[in-house]
C-alpha atoms as a PDB file:
ATOM      1  CA  UNK A   1     116.164 138.894 -27.718  1.00  0.00           C
ATOM      2  CA  UNK A   2     113.473 136.090 -27.118  1.00  0.00           C
ATOM      3  CA  UNK A   3     114.522 135.373 -23.637  1.00  0.00           C
ATOM      4  CA  UNK A   4     112.777 138.357 -22.237  1.00  0.00           C
ATOM      5  CA  UNK A   5     109.445 137.655 -24.057  1.00  0.00           C
ATOM      6  CA  UNK A   6     109.524 134.574 -22.229  1.00  0.00           C
ATOM      7  CA  UNK A   7     110.661 135.571 -18.976  1.00  0.00           C
ATOM      8  CA  UNK A   8     107.677 138.228 -18.967  1.00  0.00           C
ATOM      9  CA  UNK A   9     105.234 135.518 -19.919  1.00  0.00           C
ATOM     10  CA  UNK A  10     106.592 133.292 -17.363  1.00  0.00           C
ATOM     11  CA  UNK A  11     106.155 136.295 -14.582  1.00  0.00           C
ATOM     12  CA  UNK A  12     102.624 136.952 -15.861  1.00  0.00           C
ATOM     13  CA  UNK A  13     101.994 133.590 -15.529  1.00  0.00           C
ATOM     14  CA  UNK A  14     103.123 133.133 -12.055  1.00  0.00           C
ATOM     15  CA  UNK A  15     101.187 136.388 -11.053  1.00  0.00           C
ATOM     16  CA  UNK A  16      97.821 135.265 -12.568  1.00  0.00           C
ATOM     17  CA  UNK A  17      98.161 131.917 -10.950  1.00  0.00           C
ATOM     18  CA  UNK A  18      98.676 133.710  -7.724  1.00  0.00           C
ATOM     19  CA  UNK A  19      95.779 136.064  -8.281  1.00  0.00           C
ATOM     20  CA  UNK A  20      93.749 132.622  -9.117  1.00  0.00           C
ATOM     21  CA  UNK A  21      94.927 130.742  -6.281  1.00  0.00           C
ATOM     22  CA  UNK A  22      93.867 134.045  -4.061  1.00  0.00           C
ATOM     23  CA  UNK A  23      90.718 133.994  -5.830  1.00  0.00           C
ATOM     24  CA  UNK A  24      89.779 130.471  -5.167  1.00  0.00           C
ATOM     25  CA  UNK A  25      90.598 130.968  -1.512  1.00  0.00           C
ATOM     26  CA  UNK A  26      88.324 133.694  -0.931  1.00  0.00           C
ATOM     27  CA  UNK A  27      85.521 132.056  -2.448  1.00  0.00           C
ATOM     28  CA  UNK A  28      85.972 128.815  -0.621  1.00  0.00           C
ATOM     29  CA  UNK A  29      86.217 130.950   2.806  1.00  0.00           C
ATOM     30  CA  UNK A  30      82.799 133.070   1.799  1.00  0.00           C
ATOM     31  CA  UNK A  31      81.281 129.525   0.636  1.00  0.00           C
ATOM     32  CA  UNK A  32      82.377 128.012   3.812  1.00  0.00           C
ATOM     33  CA  UNK A  33      81.278 130.730   6.205  1.00  0.00           C
ATOM     34  CA  UNK A  34      77.695 130.512   4.571  1.00  0.00           C
ATOM     35  CA  UNK A  35      77.836 126.925   5.180  1.00  0.00           C
ATOM     36  CA  UNK A  36      78.421 127.085   8.440  1.00  0.00           C
ATOM     37  CA  UNK A  37      76.159 130.287   8.880  1.00  0.00           C
ATOM     38  CA  UNK A  38      73.409 128.172   7.582  1.00  0.00           C
ATOM     39  CA  UNK A  39      73.591 124.806   9.223  1.00  0.00           C
ATOM     40  CA  UNK A  40      73.863 127.024  12.564  1.00  0.00           C
ATOM     41  CA  UNK A  41      71.348 129.824  12.168  1.00  0.00           C
ATOM     42  CA  UNK A  42      68.815 127.190  13.427  1.00  0.00           C
ATOM     43  CA  UNK A  43      70.736 126.808  16.152  1.00  0.00           C
ATOM     44  CA  UNK A  44      71.181 130.338  16.917  1.00  0.00           C
ATOM     45  CA  UNK A  45      67.431 131.041  16.489  1.00  0.00           C
ATOM     46  CA  UNK A  46      66.658 128.161  18.798  1.00  0.00           C
ATOM     47  CA  UNK A  47      68.941 129.656  21.550  1.00  0.00           C
ATOM     48  CA  UNK A  48      67.509 133.313  21.393  1.00  0.00           C
ATOM     49  CA  UNK A  49      63.776 131.379  21.899  1.00  0.00           C
ATOM     50  CA  UNK A  50      64.838 129.620  24.540  1.00  0.00           C
ATOM     51  CA  UNK A  51      66.481 132.617  26.185  1.00  0.00           C
ATOM     52  CA  UNK A  52      63.445 134.781  26.084  1.00  0.00           C
ATOM     53  CA  UNK A  53      60.851 133.940  27.724  1.00  0.00           C
ATOM     54  CA  UNK A  54      56.976 134.833  28.551  1.00  0.00           C
ATOM     55  CA  UNK A  55      57.586 137.337  31.122  1.00  0.00           C
ATOM     56  CA  UNK A  56      54.157 137.318  33.930  1.00  0.00           C
ATOM     57  CA  UNK A  57      53.882 140.529  36.107  1.00  0.00           C
ATOM     58  CA  UNK A  58      52.608 139.146  39.088  1.00  0.00           C
ATOM     59  CA  UNK A  59      49.468 141.091  40.891  1.00  0.00           C
ATOM     60  CA  UNK A  60      50.639 143.401  43.521  1.00  0.00           C
ATOM     61  CA  UNK A  61      49.216 141.468  46.730  1.00  0.00           C
ATOM     62  CA  UNK A  62      51.213 138.099  45.548  1.00  0.00           C
ATOM     63  CA  UNK A  63      53.386 136.418  48.186  1.00  0.00           C
ATOM     64  CA  UNK A  64      56.446 134.289  46.880  1.00  0.00           C
ATOM     65  CA  UNK A  65      54.695 131.099  48.330  1.00  0.00           C
ATOM     66  CA  UNK A  66      51.826 131.941  46.172  1.00  0.00           C
ATOM     67  CA  UNK A  67      54.137 132.238  42.840  1.00  0.00           C
ATOM     68  CA  UNK A  68      56.185 128.886  44.116  1.00  0.00           C
ATOM     69  CA  UNK A  69      52.675 126.956  44.241  1.00  0.00           C
ATOM     70  CA  UNK A  70      51.517 128.322  40.791  1.00  0.00           C
ATOM     71  CA  UNK A  71      55.142 127.354  39.226  1.00  0.00           C
ATOM     72  CA  UNK A  72      54.722 123.936  40.500  1.00  0.00           C
ATOM     73  CA  UNK A  73      51.761 123.884  38.459  1.00  0.00           C
ATOM     74  CA  UNK A  74      53.009 125.412  35.346  1.00  0.00           C
ATOM     75  CA  UNK A  75      56.292 123.078  35.016  1.00  0.00           C
ATOM     76  CA  UNK A  76      53.794 119.935  34.663  1.00  0.00           C
ATOM     77  CA  UNK A  77      52.257 121.487  31.184  1.00  0.00           C
ATOM     78  CA  UNK A  78      54.325 119.917  28.546  1.00  0.00           C
ATOM     79  CA  UNK A  79      54.213 123.369  26.539  1.00  0.00           C
ATOM     80  CA  UNK A  80      56.466 124.963  29.290  1.00  0.00           C
ATOM     81  CA  UNK A  81      60.205 123.528  29.626  1.00  0.00           C
ATOM     82  CA  UNK A  82      60.843 125.994  32.832  1.00  0.00           C
ATOM     83  CA  UNK A  83      60.365 128.861  35.145  1.00  0.00           C
ATOM     84  CA  UNK A  84      61.850 131.090  36.745  1.00  0.00           C
ATOM     85  CA  UNK A  85      60.639 133.590  39.815  1.00  0.00           C
ATOM     86  CA  UNK A  86      62.275 137.054  40.106  1.00  0.00           C
ATOM     87  CA  UNK A  87      61.647 138.921  43.104  1.00  0.00           C
ATOM     88  CA  UNK A  88      60.676 142.136  43.857  1.00  0.00           C
ATOM     89  CA  UNK A  89      64.482 143.168  44.860  1.00  0.00           C
ATOM     90  CA  UNK A  90      65.810 141.260  41.987  1.00  0.00           C
ATOM     91  CA  UNK A  91      63.859 142.978  39.287  1.00  0.00           C
ATOM     92  CA  UNK A  92      64.875 146.423  41.409  1.00  0.00           C
ATOM     93  CA  UNK A  93      68.528 145.059  41.049  1.00  0.00           C
ATOM     94  CA  UNK A  94      68.107 144.081  37.086  1.00  0.00           C
ATOM     95  CA  UNK A  95      66.974 147.362  36.632  1.00  0.00           C
ATOM     96  CA  UNK A  96      69.832 149.338  38.560  1.00  0.00           C
ATOM     97  CA  UNK A  97      72.142 147.559  36.707  1.00  0.00           C
ATOM     98  CA  UNK A  98      70.407 148.906  33.485  1.00  0.00           C
ATOM     99  CA  UNK A  99      69.924 152.326  34.694  1.00  0.00           C
ATOM    100  CA  UNK A 100      73.435 152.597  36.508  1.00  0.00           C
ATOM    101  CA  UNK A 101      71.849 154.224  39.649  1.00  0.00           C
ATOM    102  CA  UNK A 102      69.497 153.447  42.350  1.00  0.00           C
ATOM    103  CA  UNK A 103      66.375 154.453  41.396  1.00  0.00           C
ATOM    104  CA  UNK A 104      64.768 153.354  44.924  1.00  0.00           C
ATOM    105  CA  UNK A 105      66.722 155.992  46.741  1.00  0.00           C
ATOM    106  CA  UNK A 106      65.136 158.422  44.290  1.00  0.00           C
ATOM    107  CA  UNK A 107      61.539 157.311  44.698  1.00  0.00           C
ATOM    108  CA  UNK A 108      61.759 156.018  48.532  1.00  0.00           C
ATOM    109  CA  UNK A 109      60.514 152.790  47.357  1.00  0.00           C
ATOM    110  CA  UNK A 110      60.217 149.469  45.151  1.00  0.00           C
ATOM    111  CA  UNK A 111      57.604 149.908  42.825  1.00  0.00           C
ATOM    112  CA  UNK A 112      58.518 146.827  40.495  1.00  0.00           C
ATOM    113  CA  UNK A 113      56.368 143.962  41.070  1.00  0.00           C
ATOM    114  CA  UNK A 114      57.465 140.257  41.353  1.00  0.00           C
ATOM    115  CA  UNK A 115      57.419 138.123  38.113  1.00  0.00           C
ATOM    116  CA  UNK A 116      57.908 134.766  36.402  1.00  0.00           C
ATOM    117  CA  UNK A 117      59.446 134.181  33.005  1.00  0.00           C
ATOM    118  CA  UNK A 118      58.442 131.276  31.522  1.00  0.00           C
ATOM    119  CA  UNK A 119      60.442 129.566  29.044  1.00  0.00           C
ATOM    120  CA  UNK A 120      58.732 127.399  26.220  1.00  0.00           C
ATOM    121  CA  UNK A 121      59.651 123.759  24.914  1.00  0.00           C
ATOM    122  CA  UNK A 122      61.044 123.647  21.342  1.00  0.00           C
ATOM    123  CA  UNK A 123      57.599 122.464  19.978  1.00  0.00           C
ATOM    124  CA  UNK A 124      55.949 125.517  20.892  1.00  0.00           C
ATOM    125  CA  UNK A 125      58.094 128.276  19.590  1.00  0.00           C
ATOM    126  CA  UNK A 126      55.738 129.386  16.452  1.00  0.00           C
ATOM    127  CA  UNK A 127      53.585 132.108  16.965  1.00  0.00           C
ATOM    128  CA  UNK A 128      50.310 130.546  16.908  1.00  0.00           C
ATOM    129  CA  UNK A 129      51.270 128.184  20.121  1.00  0.00           C
ATOM    130  CA  UNK A 130      53.125 131.240  21.711  1.00  0.00           C
ATOM    131  CA  UNK A 131      49.704 133.047  21.801  1.00  0.00           C
ATOM    132  CA  UNK A 132      48.115 129.973  22.823  1.00  0.00           C
ATOM    133  CA  UNK A 133      50.367 129.826  25.852  1.00  0.00           C
ATOM    134  CA  UNK A 134      50.296 133.562  26.585  1.00  0.00           C
ATOM    135  CA  UNK A 135      46.376 133.080  26.899  1.00  0.00           C
ATOM    136  CA  UNK A 136      46.552 130.327  29.104  1.00  0.00           C
ATOM    137  CA  UNK A 137      48.843 132.441  31.576  1.00  0.00           C
ATOM    138  CA  UNK A 138      46.630 135.156  31.221  1.00  0.00           C
ATOM    139  CA  UNK A 139      44.089 133.135  32.822  1.00  0.00           C
ATOM    140  CA  UNK A 140      45.568 132.472  36.205  1.00  0.00           C
ATOM    141  CA  UNK A 141      44.586 134.643  39.256  1.00  0.00           C
ATOM    142  CA  UNK A 142      48.120 135.611  40.090  1.00  0.00           C
ATOM    143  CA  UNK A 143      48.843 137.092  36.353  1.00  0.00           C
ATOM    144  CA  UNK A 144      48.592 140.491  35.983  1.00  0.00           C
ATOM    145  CA  UNK A 145      50.141 141.727  32.770  1.00  0.00           C
ATOM    146  CA  UNK A 146      51.976 139.319  30.366  1.00  0.00           C
ATOM    147  CA  UNK A 147      54.932 140.125  28.465  1.00  0.00           C
ATOM    148  CA  UNK A 148      56.735 138.236  25.099  1.00  0.00           C
ATOM    149  CA  UNK A 149      59.503 139.858  22.926  1.00  0.00           C
ATOM    150  CA  UNK A 150      57.933 139.103  19.625  1.00  0.00           C
ATOM    151  CA  UNK A 151      59.962 142.000  18.120  1.00  0.00           C
ATOM    152  CA  UNK A 152      63.155 140.922  19.324  1.00  0.00           C
ATOM    153  CA  UNK A 153      62.973 137.357  18.025  1.00  0.00           C
ATOM    154  CA  UNK A 154      61.669 138.452  14.601  1.00  0.00           C
ATOM    155  CA  UNK A 155      64.641 140.619  14.529  1.00  0.00           C
ATOM    156  CA  UNK A 156      66.987 137.962  15.297  1.00  0.00           C
ATOM    157  CA  UNK A 157      65.547 135.636  12.638  1.00  0.00           C
ATOM    158  CA  UNK A 158      65.319 137.937   9.737  1.00  0.00           C
ATOM    159  CA  UNK A 159      69.009 139.443  10.433  1.00  0.00           C
ATOM    160  CA  UNK A 160      70.365 135.714  10.068  1.00  0.00           C
ATOM    161  CA  UNK A 161      68.393 135.095   6.605  1.00  0.00           C
ATOM    162  CA  UNK A 162      69.602 138.453   5.328  1.00  0.00           C
ATOM    163  CA  UNK A 163      73.002 137.968   6.260  1.00  0.00           C
ATOM    164  CA  UNK A 164      72.944 134.382   4.825  1.00  0.00           C
ATOM    165  CA  UNK A 165      71.189 135.265   1.678  1.00  0.00           C
ATOM    166  CA  UNK A 166      73.564 138.616   1.257  1.00  0.00           C
ATOM    167  CA  UNK A 167      76.800 135.948   1.724  1.00  0.00           C
ATOM    168  CA  UNK A 168      75.350 133.135  -0.463  1.00  0.00           C
ATOM    169  CA  UNK A 169      74.568 136.140  -3.447  1.00  0.00           C
ATOM    170  CA  UNK A 170      77.937 137.632  -3.117  1.00  0.00           C
ATOM    171  CA  UNK A 171      79.195 133.720  -2.870  1.00  0.00           C
ATOM    172  CA  UNK A 172      77.819 132.968  -6.297  1.00  0.00           C
ATOM    173  CA  UNK A 173      79.441 136.320  -7.524  1.00  0.00           C
ATOM    174  CA  UNK A 174      82.873 135.371  -6.580  1.00  0.00           C
ATOM    175  CA  UNK A 175      82.492 131.914  -7.829  1.00  0.00           C
ATOM    176  CA  UNK A 176      82.124 133.665 -11.413  1.00  0.00           C
ATOM    177  CA  UNK A 177      84.942 135.686 -10.937  1.00  0.00           C
ATOM    178  CA  UNK A 178      87.034 132.569  -9.666  1.00  0.00           C
ATOM    179  CA  UNK A 179      86.581 130.640 -12.894  1.00  0.00           C
ATOM    180  CA  UNK A 180      86.794 133.475 -15.123  1.00  0.00           C
ATOM    181  CA  UNK A 181      90.206 134.133 -13.556  1.00  0.00           C
ATOM    182  CA  UNK A 182      91.073 130.429 -13.616  1.00  0.00           C
ATOM    183  CA  UNK A 183      90.250 130.211 -17.298  1.00  0.00           C
ATOM    184  CA  UNK A 184      91.977 133.306 -18.469  1.00  0.00           C
ATOM    185  CA  UNK A 185      95.028 132.144 -15.868  1.00  0.00           C
ATOM    186  CA  UNK A 186      95.164 128.730 -17.976  1.00  0.00           C
ATOM    187  CA  UNK A 187      94.880 130.163 -21.270  1.00  0.00           C
ATOM    188  CA  UNK A 188      97.993 132.147 -20.720  1.00  0.00           C
ATOM    189  CA  UNK A 189      99.926 129.301 -19.513  1.00  0.00           C
ATOM    190  CA  UNK A 190      99.058 127.256 -22.396  1.00  0.00           C
ATOM    191  CA  UNK A 191      99.896 130.463 -25.111  1.00  0.00           C
ATOM    192  CA  UNK A 192     103.216 130.101 -23.167  1.00  0.00           C
ATOM    193  CA  UNK A 193     103.586 126.693 -24.085  1.00  0.00           C
ATOM    194  CA  UNK A 194     102.019 126.443 -27.589  1.00  0.00           C
ATOM    195  CA  UNK A 195     105.126 125.435 -29.508  1.00  0.00           C
ATOM    196  CA  UNK A 196     105.928 122.433 -26.558  1.00  0.00           C
ATOM    197  CA  UNK A 197     101.952 121.458 -27.598  1.00  0.00           C
ATOM    198  CA  UNK A 198     102.213 122.038 -31.298  1.00  0.00           C
ATOM    199  CA  UNK A 199     105.208 119.664 -30.912  1.00  0.00           C
ATOM    200  CA  UNK A 200     103.213 116.940 -29.108  1.00  0.00           C
ATOM    201  CA  UNK A 201     100.206 116.889 -30.979  1.00  0.00           C
ATOM    202  CA  UNK A 202     102.347 116.566 -34.091  1.00  0.00           C
ATOM    203  CA  UNK A 203     104.264 113.366 -32.578  1.00  0.00           C
ATOM    204  CA  UNK A 204     100.747 111.926 -31.966  1.00  0.00           C
ATOM    205  CA  UNK A 205     100.329 112.905 -28.427  1.00  0.00           C
ATOM    206  CA  UNK A 206      96.365 112.754 -27.122  1.00  0.00           C
ATOM    207  CA  UNK A 207      94.540 115.466 -25.589  1.00  0.00           C
ATOM    208  CA  UNK A 208      94.307 113.649 -22.461  1.00  0.00           C
ATOM    209  CA  UNK A 209      98.181 113.467 -22.279  1.00  0.00           C
ATOM    210  CA  UNK A 210      98.503 117.098 -22.636  1.00  0.00           C
ATOM    211  CA  UNK A 211      95.736 118.220 -20.529  1.00  0.00           C
ATOM    212  CA  UNK A 212      96.970 116.123 -17.501  1.00  0.00           C
ATOM    213  CA  UNK A 213      99.996 118.607 -16.148  1.00  0.00           C
ATOM    214  CA  UNK A 214      97.385 121.320 -16.404  1.00  0.00           C
ATOM    215  CA  UNK A 215      94.888 119.553 -14.599  1.00  0.00           C
ATOM    216  CA  UNK A 216      97.332 118.394 -11.999  1.00  0.00           C
ATOM    217  CA  UNK A 217      98.394 122.131 -11.348  1.00  0.00           C
ATOM    218  CA  UNK A 218      94.553 122.974 -11.194  1.00  0.00           C
ATOM    219  CA  UNK A 219      93.666 120.608  -8.575  1.00  0.00           C
ATOM    220  CA  UNK A 220      96.359 121.678  -6.808  1.00  0.00           C
ATOM    221  CA  UNK A 221      95.424 125.092  -6.840  1.00  0.00           C
ATOM    222  CA  UNK A 222      92.110 124.192  -5.771  1.00  0.00           C
ATOM    223  CA  UNK A 223      93.561 121.811  -2.904  1.00  0.00           C
ATOM    224  CA  UNK A 224      95.544 125.002  -1.435  1.00  0.00           C
ATOM    225  CA  UNK A 225      93.053 127.243  -1.721  1.00  0.00           C
ATOM    226  CA  UNK A 226      90.640 125.013  -0.046  1.00  0.00           C
ATOM    227  CA  UNK A 227      93.131 123.951   2.922  1.00  0.00           C
ATOM    228  CA  UNK A 228      94.085 127.664   3.574  1.00  0.00           C
ATOM    229  CA  UNK A 229      89.858 128.744   3.417  1.00  0.00           C
ATOM    230  CA  UNK A 230      89.764 125.851   6.059  1.00  0.00           C
ATOM    231  CA  UNK A 231      92.344 127.113   8.006  1.00  0.00           C
ATOM    232  CA  UNK A 232      91.026 130.584   7.694  1.00  0.00           C
ATOM    233  CA  UNK A 233      87.850 129.343   8.997  1.00  0.00           C
ATOM    234  CA  UNK A 234      88.832 127.038  11.781  1.00  0.00           C
ATOM    235  CA  UNK A 235      91.190 130.042  12.795  1.00  0.00           C
ATOM    236  CA  UNK A 236      87.719 132.446  13.182  1.00  0.00           C
ATOM    237  CA  UNK A 237      85.665 130.134  15.182  1.00  0.00           C
ATOM    238  CA  UNK A 238      88.694 129.953  17.726  1.00  0.00           C
ATOM    239  CA  UNK A 239      88.977 133.830  17.433  1.00  0.00           C
ATOM    240  CA  UNK A 240      85.429 133.986  18.099  1.00  0.00           C
ATOM    241  CA  UNK A 241      85.510 131.338  20.971  1.00  0.00           C
ATOM    242  CA  UNK A 242      88.340 133.473  22.490  1.00  0.00           C
ATOM    243  CA  UNK A 243      86.454 136.542  22.293  1.00  0.00           C
ATOM    244  CA  UNK A 244      82.996 135.375  22.951  1.00  0.00           C
ATOM    245  CA  UNK A 245      83.200 132.076  25.197  1.00  0.00           C
ATOM    246  CA  UNK A 246      79.278 131.770  24.420  1.00  0.00           C
ATOM    247  CA  UNK A 247      79.589 131.124  21.326  1.00  0.00           C
ATOM    248  CA  UNK A 248      81.198 127.885  21.788  1.00  0.00           C
ATOM    249  CA  UNK A 249      77.731 126.180  22.677  1.00  0.00           C
ATOM    250  CA  UNK A 250      76.845 127.258  18.957  1.00  0.00           C
ATOM    251  CA  UNK A 251      79.669 125.012  16.997  1.00  0.00           C
ATOM    252  CA  UNK A 252      79.201 121.574  16.046  1.00  0.00           C
ATOM    253  CA  UNK A 253      82.628 120.042  15.154  1.00  0.00           C
ATOM    254  CA  UNK A 254      80.915 117.449  13.331  1.00  0.00           C
ATOM    255  CA  UNK A 255      79.331 119.942  10.835  1.00  0.00           C
ATOM    256  CA  UNK A 256      82.378 122.104  11.083  1.00  0.00           C
ATOM    257  CA  UNK A 257      84.771 119.013   9.834  1.00  0.00           C
ATOM    258  CA  UNK A 258      82.183 118.396   7.195  1.00  0.00           C
ATOM    259  CA  UNK A 259      82.059 121.531   5.816  1.00  0.00           C
ATOM    260  CA  UNK A 260      85.809 121.903   5.886  1.00  0.00           C
ATOM    261  CA  UNK A 261      85.868 118.460   3.472  1.00  0.00           C
ATOM    262  CA  UNK A 262      83.138 119.529   1.363  1.00  0.00           C
ATOM    263  CA  UNK A 263      85.381 122.964   0.796  1.00  0.00           C
ATOM    264  CA  UNK A 264      88.108 121.028  -0.186  1.00  0.00           C
ATOM    265  CA  UNK A 265      86.333 119.131  -2.497  1.00  0.00           C
ATOM    266  CA  UNK A 266      84.684 122.221  -4.122  1.00  0.00           C
ATOM    267  CA  UNK A 267      87.860 124.241  -4.698  1.00  0.00           C
ATOM    268  CA  UNK A 268      89.165 120.649  -6.500  1.00  0.00           C
ATOM    269  CA  UNK A 269      85.896 121.062  -9.037  1.00  0.00           C
ATOM    270  CA  UNK A 270      86.006 124.410  -9.551  1.00  0.00           C
ATOM    271  CA  UNK A 271      89.619 124.400 -10.198  1.00  0.00           C
ATOM    272  CA  UNK A 272      89.606 121.432 -11.904  1.00  0.00           C
ATOM    273  CA  UNK A 273      86.987 122.089 -14.067  1.00  0.00           C
ATOM    274  CA  UNK A 274      88.035 125.585 -14.918  1.00  0.00           C
ATOM    275  CA  UNK A 275      91.439 124.206 -15.996  1.00  0.00           C
ATOM    276  CA  UNK A 276      89.601 121.476 -18.241  1.00  0.00           C
ATOM    277  CA  UNK A 277      87.623 123.837 -20.237  1.00  0.00           C
ATOM    278  CA  UNK A 278      90.619 126.308 -20.972  1.00  0.00           C
ATOM    279  CA  UNK A 279      92.621 123.317 -22.114  1.00  0.00           C
ATOM    280  CA  UNK A 280      90.212 121.591 -24.118  1.00  0.00           C
ATOM    281  CA  UNK A 281      89.875 124.616 -25.999  1.00  0.00           C
ATOM    282  CA  UNK A 282      93.554 124.604 -27.148  1.00  0.00           C
ATOM    283  CA  UNK A 283      94.298 121.299 -27.707  1.00  0.00           C
ATOM    284  CA  UNK A 284      91.445 121.066 -30.295  1.00  0.00           C
ATOM    285  CA  UNK A 285      92.750 123.934 -32.475  1.00  0.00           C
ATOM    286  CA  UNK A 286      94.671 122.628 -35.582  1.00  0.00           C
ATOM    287  CA  UNK A 287      98.525 122.888 -35.369  1.00  0.00           C
ATOM    288  CA  UNK A 288      99.365 125.670 -37.651  1.00  0.00           C
ATOM    289  CA  UNK A 289      96.721 127.836 -35.183  1.00  0.00           C
ATOM    290  CA  UNK A 290      99.292 127.133 -32.465  1.00  0.00           C
ATOM    291  CA  UNK A 291     101.931 129.903 -33.694  1.00  0.00           C
END
């Protein structure tokens, strides 16, 4: 009659342990994803800034030769990383791609002026510096109007910060849930082995000796969870590179390796600490309370 309850407790313990391991894996995966987002957020923002330039619409009577001479002057400025000339025909082709039709046939002429895109160096990405460069460009006689997509950059930065904040909050919540699950799992394991623990205490076994198997099991859980989480992160990066090859330039292999190592280490700490707390409580209980 005692076999069934013991078997049921053993199956319940295995289920709880599997749930705890899954929880650790999920927590570590989200934490690793958060770390990668934080590490690469600066690179993503810089990439957006480098590829969103200040567009200077040239006056209608400007020639390409005048634009080229002006570009040579701009390239000497330390605030400017590079410049690109867009002719009237190129501007018309780009707009045709966006509209999906040839608007010049409808209008009978090309109304778009030539333009120059100015891309700033990394030291002049701040709003104050951008306004300074815009005023500098507006002072040239060839410049008709000057545009800069501040709203787009602000939106990119805001979205990255919002996603990072939400991910970190969600990770903290998962850490709490994971610790609780591990703690309850270890309590169940200790309860199932309470008679063995009582016997060990009666023969003089130390608390460290009794805790050791549970701690080893907990560390194994953390290592497995960390390893699986790292595998999922690497698989996600590989899939991202396959679907969107342009994302490869944002990925730093050294940073990814450090994040994976820290993920496994954090998994060991979470699981080991939770196991230590749960077992410590039961080892200190008097032998008569172990029934």
